[in-house]
């Protein structure tokens, strides 16, 4: 099984402990969602939308980008 790594570079304005902890939590959730997507059969992945992950506490724009990234990664 191949490994895909996506690195995000984000500017943090006035980073403090609370922001750092929130980012770490969102990063863990996003990684979990990405792994869930990659575990699905390829046919099911194409039907995914942010609504498929409404139970996850990540914004829909971020979720849609994660879905797109994983669809691209699975084509490699």
N, C-alpha and C. Protein backbone atom coordinates (compact mmCIF):
# COMPACT_ATOMS: atom_id res chain seq x y z
N UNK A 1 0.85 -1.18 0.00
CA UNK A 1 0.00 0.00 0.00
C UNK A 1 0.89 1.24 0.00
N UNK A 2 0.61 2.17 -0.88
CA UNK A 2 1.40 3.39 -0.95
C UNK A 2 0.93 4.39 0.11
N UNK A 3 1.80 5.31 0.42
CA UNK A 3 1.50 6.33 1.42
C UNK A 3 1.48 7.69 0.75
N UNK A 4 0.44 8.46 1.01
CA UNK A 4 0.34 9.82 0.48
C UNK A 4 0.38 10.78 1.66
N UNK A 5 1.17 11.81 1.53
CA UNK A 5 1.29 12.80 2.59
C UNK A 5 0.97 14.16 1.98
N UNK A 6 0.07 14.89 2.63
CA UNK A 6 -0.30 16.23 2.18
C UNK A 6 0.14 17.20 3.27
N UNK A 7 0.94 18.18 2.92
CA UNK A 7 1.42 19.17 3.87
C UNK A 7 0.70 20.49 3.62
N UNK A 8 0.15 21.05 4.67
CA UNK A 8 -0.51 22.35 4.59
C UNK A 8 0.34 23.38 5.30
N UNK A 9 0.56 24.50 4.66
CA UNK A 9 1.28 25.61 5.29
C UNK A 9 0.25 26.69 5.57
N UNK A 10 0.03 26.95 6.85
CA UNK A 10 -0.98 27.92 7.26
C UNK A 10 -0.34 29.03 8.09
N UNK A 11 -0.68 30.28 7.79
CA UNK A 11 -0.18 31.36 8.63
C UNK A 11 -1.03 31.46 9.90
N UNK A 12 -0.39 31.61 11.02
CA UNK A 12 -1.11 31.77 12.28
C UNK A 12 -0.91 33.20 12.77
N UNK A 13 -1.99 33.89 12.97
CA UNK A 13 -1.92 35.24 13.50
C UNK A 13 -2.09 35.18 15.01
N UNK A 14 -1.12 35.71 15.70
CA UNK A 14 -1.16 35.73 17.17
C UNK A 14 -1.48 34.33 17.73
N UNK A 15 -0.65 33.37 17.36
CA UNK A 15 -0.84 31.99 17.81
C UNK A 15 -0.70 31.91 19.33
N UNK A 16 -1.65 31.25 19.95
CA UNK A 16 -1.59 31.03 21.38
C UNK A 16 -1.90 29.56 21.64
N UNK A 17 -1.88 29.16 22.89
CA UNK A 17 -2.07 27.76 23.24
C UNK A 17 -3.44 27.25 22.79
N UNK A 18 -4.49 28.04 22.96
CA UNK A 18 -5.84 27.61 22.59
C UNK A 18 -5.94 27.36 21.08
N UNK A 19 -5.38 28.27 20.28
CA UNK A 19 -5.40 28.09 18.83
C UNK A 19 -4.59 26.87 18.41
N UNK A 20 -3.44 26.67 19.05
CA UNK A 20 -2.59 25.52 18.73
C UNK A 20 -3.30 24.22 19.06
N UNK A 21 -3.99 24.18 20.20
CA UNK A 21 -4.71 22.97 20.59
C UNK A 21 -5.89 22.70 19.65
N UNK A 22 -6.59 23.75 19.25
CA UNK A 22 -7.71 23.59 18.32
C UNK A 22 -7.21 23.09 16.97
N UNK A 23 -6.09 23.63 16.49
CA UNK A 23 -5.54 23.19 15.23
C UNK A 23 -5.13 21.72 15.31
N UNK A 24 -4.50 21.32 16.41
CA UNK A 24 -4.08 19.92 16.57
C UNK A 24 -5.29 18.99 16.56
N UNK A 25 -6.38 19.42 17.20
CA UNK A 25 -7.60 18.61 17.21
C UNK A 25 -8.20 18.50 15.80
N UNK A 26 -8.26 19.61 15.08
CA UNK A 26 -8.78 19.59 13.71
C UNK A 26 -7.89 18.76 12.79
N UNK A 27 -6.60 18.83 13.01
CA UNK A 27 -5.67 18.04 12.20
C UNK A 27 -5.91 16.55 12.43
N UNK A 28 -6.11 16.14 13.67
CA UNK A 28 -6.38 14.74 13.97
C UNK A 28 -7.70 14.28 13.35
N UNK A 29 -8.73 15.13 13.44
CA UNK A 29 -10.02 14.79 12.83
C UNK A 29 -9.89 14.67 11.31
N UNK A 30 -9.19 15.60 10.71
CA UNK A 30 -9.01 15.58 9.26
C UNK A 30 -8.25 14.34 8.82
N UNK A 31 -7.23 13.96 9.55
CA UNK A 31 -6.47 12.75 9.23
C UNK A 31 -7.35 11.51 9.34
N UNK A 32 -8.17 11.48 10.37
CA UNK A 32 -9.09 10.36 10.56
C UNK A 32 -10.08 10.25 9.39
N UNK A 33 -10.63 11.38 8.98
CA UNK A 33 -11.57 11.40 7.85
C UNK A 33 -10.86 10.94 6.58
N UNK A 34 -9.65 11.42 6.34
CA UNK A 34 -8.90 11.04 5.14
C UNK A 34 -8.66 9.53 5.12
N UNK A 35 -8.30 8.96 6.25
CA UNK A 35 -8.07 7.52 6.32
C UNK A 35 -9.36 6.74 6.11
N UNK A 36 -10.47 7.28 6.61
CA UNK A 36 -11.78 6.65 6.41
C UNK A 36 -12.12 6.63 4.93
N UNK A 37 -11.87 7.75 4.26
CA UNK A 37 -12.16 7.84 2.82
C UNK A 37 -11.32 6.83 2.04
N UNK A 38 -10.04 6.74 2.37
CA UNK A 38 -9.16 5.83 1.65
C UNK A 38 -9.50 4.36 1.91
N UNK A 39 -10.17 4.08 3.02
CA UNK A 39 -10.57 2.70 3.33
C UNK A 39 -11.80 2.27 2.54
N UNK A 40 -12.53 3.22 1.98
CA UNK A 40 -13.74 2.90 1.21
C UNK A 40 -13.37 2.39 -0.18
N UNK A 41 -14.23 1.56 -0.76
CA UNK A 41 -14.02 1.15 -2.16
C UNK A 41 -14.06 2.38 -3.07
N UNK A 42 -13.29 2.34 -4.15
CA UNK A 42 -13.18 3.50 -5.04
C UNK A 42 -14.53 3.97 -5.57
N UNK A 43 -15.45 3.07 -5.84
CA UNK A 43 -16.76 3.46 -6.35
C UNK A 43 -17.55 4.30 -5.36
N UNK A 44 -17.40 4.01 -4.07
CA UNK A 44 -18.11 4.77 -3.04
C UNK A 44 -17.49 6.14 -2.80
N UNK A 45 -16.20 6.26 -3.01
CA UNK A 45 -15.51 7.53 -2.76
C UNK A 45 -16.05 8.66 -3.62
N UNK A 46 -16.39 8.35 -4.87
CA UNK A 46 -16.84 9.39 -5.80
C UNK A 46 -18.17 10.00 -5.39
N UNK A 47 -18.97 9.29 -4.61
CA UNK A 47 -20.28 9.78 -4.20
C UNK A 47 -20.23 10.61 -2.92
N UNK A 48 -19.05 10.75 -2.32
CA UNK A 48 -18.94 11.46 -1.05
C UNK A 48 -19.10 12.96 -1.21
N UNK A 49 -19.74 13.56 -0.24
CA UNK A 49 -19.86 15.02 -0.13
C UNK A 49 -19.63 15.39 1.32
N UNK A 50 -19.60 16.67 1.61
CA UNK A 50 -19.42 17.09 3.00
C UNK A 50 -20.60 16.61 3.86
N UNK A 51 -21.75 16.43 3.25
CA UNK A 51 -22.92 15.94 3.98
C UNK A 51 -22.69 14.51 4.49
N UNK A 52 -21.86 13.75 3.78
CA UNK A 52 -21.53 12.39 4.21
C UNK A 52 -20.80 12.39 5.55
N UNK A 53 -20.18 13.52 5.89
CA UNK A 53 -19.42 13.64 7.13
C UNK A 53 -19.97 14.76 8.01
N UNK A 54 -21.28 14.93 7.99
CA UNK A 54 -21.92 15.99 8.78
C UNK A 54 -21.70 15.80 10.28
N UNK A 55 -21.44 14.57 10.70
CA UNK A 55 -21.22 14.27 12.11
C UNK A 55 -19.83 14.70 12.60
N UNK A 56 -18.95 15.05 11.67
CA UNK A 56 -17.59 15.46 12.02
C UNK A 56 -17.55 16.97 12.18
N UNK A 57 -16.87 17.44 13.19
CA UNK A 57 -16.84 18.87 13.51
C UNK A 57 -15.80 19.63 12.69
N UNK A 58 -15.91 19.53 11.37
CA UNK A 58 -15.04 20.28 10.47
C UNK A 58 -15.94 20.99 9.48
N UNK A 59 -15.59 22.20 9.11
CA UNK A 59 -16.40 22.97 8.17
C UNK A 59 -16.52 22.28 6.82
N UNK A 60 -17.60 22.55 6.12
CA UNK A 60 -17.87 21.87 4.85
C UNK A 60 -16.81 22.18 3.79
N UNK A 61 -16.29 23.40 3.77
CA UNK A 61 -15.26 23.73 2.78
C UNK A 61 -14.00 22.90 3.02
N UNK A 62 -13.60 22.77 4.27
CA UNK A 62 -12.43 21.98 4.63
C UNK A 62 -12.69 20.51 4.31
N UNK A 63 -13.90 20.05 4.61
CA UNK A 63 -14.25 18.65 4.36
C UNK A 63 -14.24 18.36 2.86
N UNK A 64 -14.81 19.26 2.05
CA UNK A 64 -14.81 19.05 0.60
C UNK A 64 -13.39 19.02 0.04
N UNK A 65 -12.51 19.85 0.58
CA UNK A 65 -11.12 19.84 0.12
C UNK A 65 -10.45 18.53 0.50
N UNK A 66 -10.74 18.02 1.68
CA UNK A 66 -10.18 16.73 2.10
C UNK A 66 -10.65 15.62 1.18
N UNK A 67 -11.93 15.63 0.83
CA UNK A 67 -12.47 14.63 -0.08
C UNK A 67 -11.77 14.72 -1.44
N UNK A 68 -11.62 15.94 -1.97
CA UNK A 68 -10.94 16.12 -3.25
C UNK A 68 -9.49 15.62 -3.18
N UNK A 69 -8.80 15.97 -2.11
CA UNK A 69 -7.41 15.54 -1.95
C UNK A 69 -7.29 14.03 -1.93
N UNK A 70 -8.19 13.36 -1.25
CA UNK A 70 -8.13 11.90 -1.15
C UNK A 70 -8.51 11.24 -2.47
N UNK A 71 -9.42 11.84 -3.22
CA UNK A 71 -9.76 11.29 -4.53
C UNK A 71 -8.56 11.38 -5.47
N UNK A 72 -7.84 12.48 -5.39
CA UNK A 72 -6.64 12.66 -6.22
C UNK A 72 -5.55 11.69 -5.77
N UNK A 73 -5.37 11.56 -4.45
CA UNK A 73 -4.34 10.67 -3.91
C UNK A 73 -4.62 9.21 -4.27
N UNK A 74 -5.88 8.83 -4.33
CA UNK A 74 -6.21 7.43 -4.62
C UNK A 74 -6.04 7.10 -6.09
N UNK A 75 -5.96 8.12 -6.96
CA UNK A 75 -5.74 7.87 -8.38
C UNK A 75 -4.28 7.60 -8.70
N UNK A 76 -3.39 7.94 -7.80
CA UNK A 76 -1.95 7.76 -8.04
C UNK A 76 -1.57 6.32 -7.97
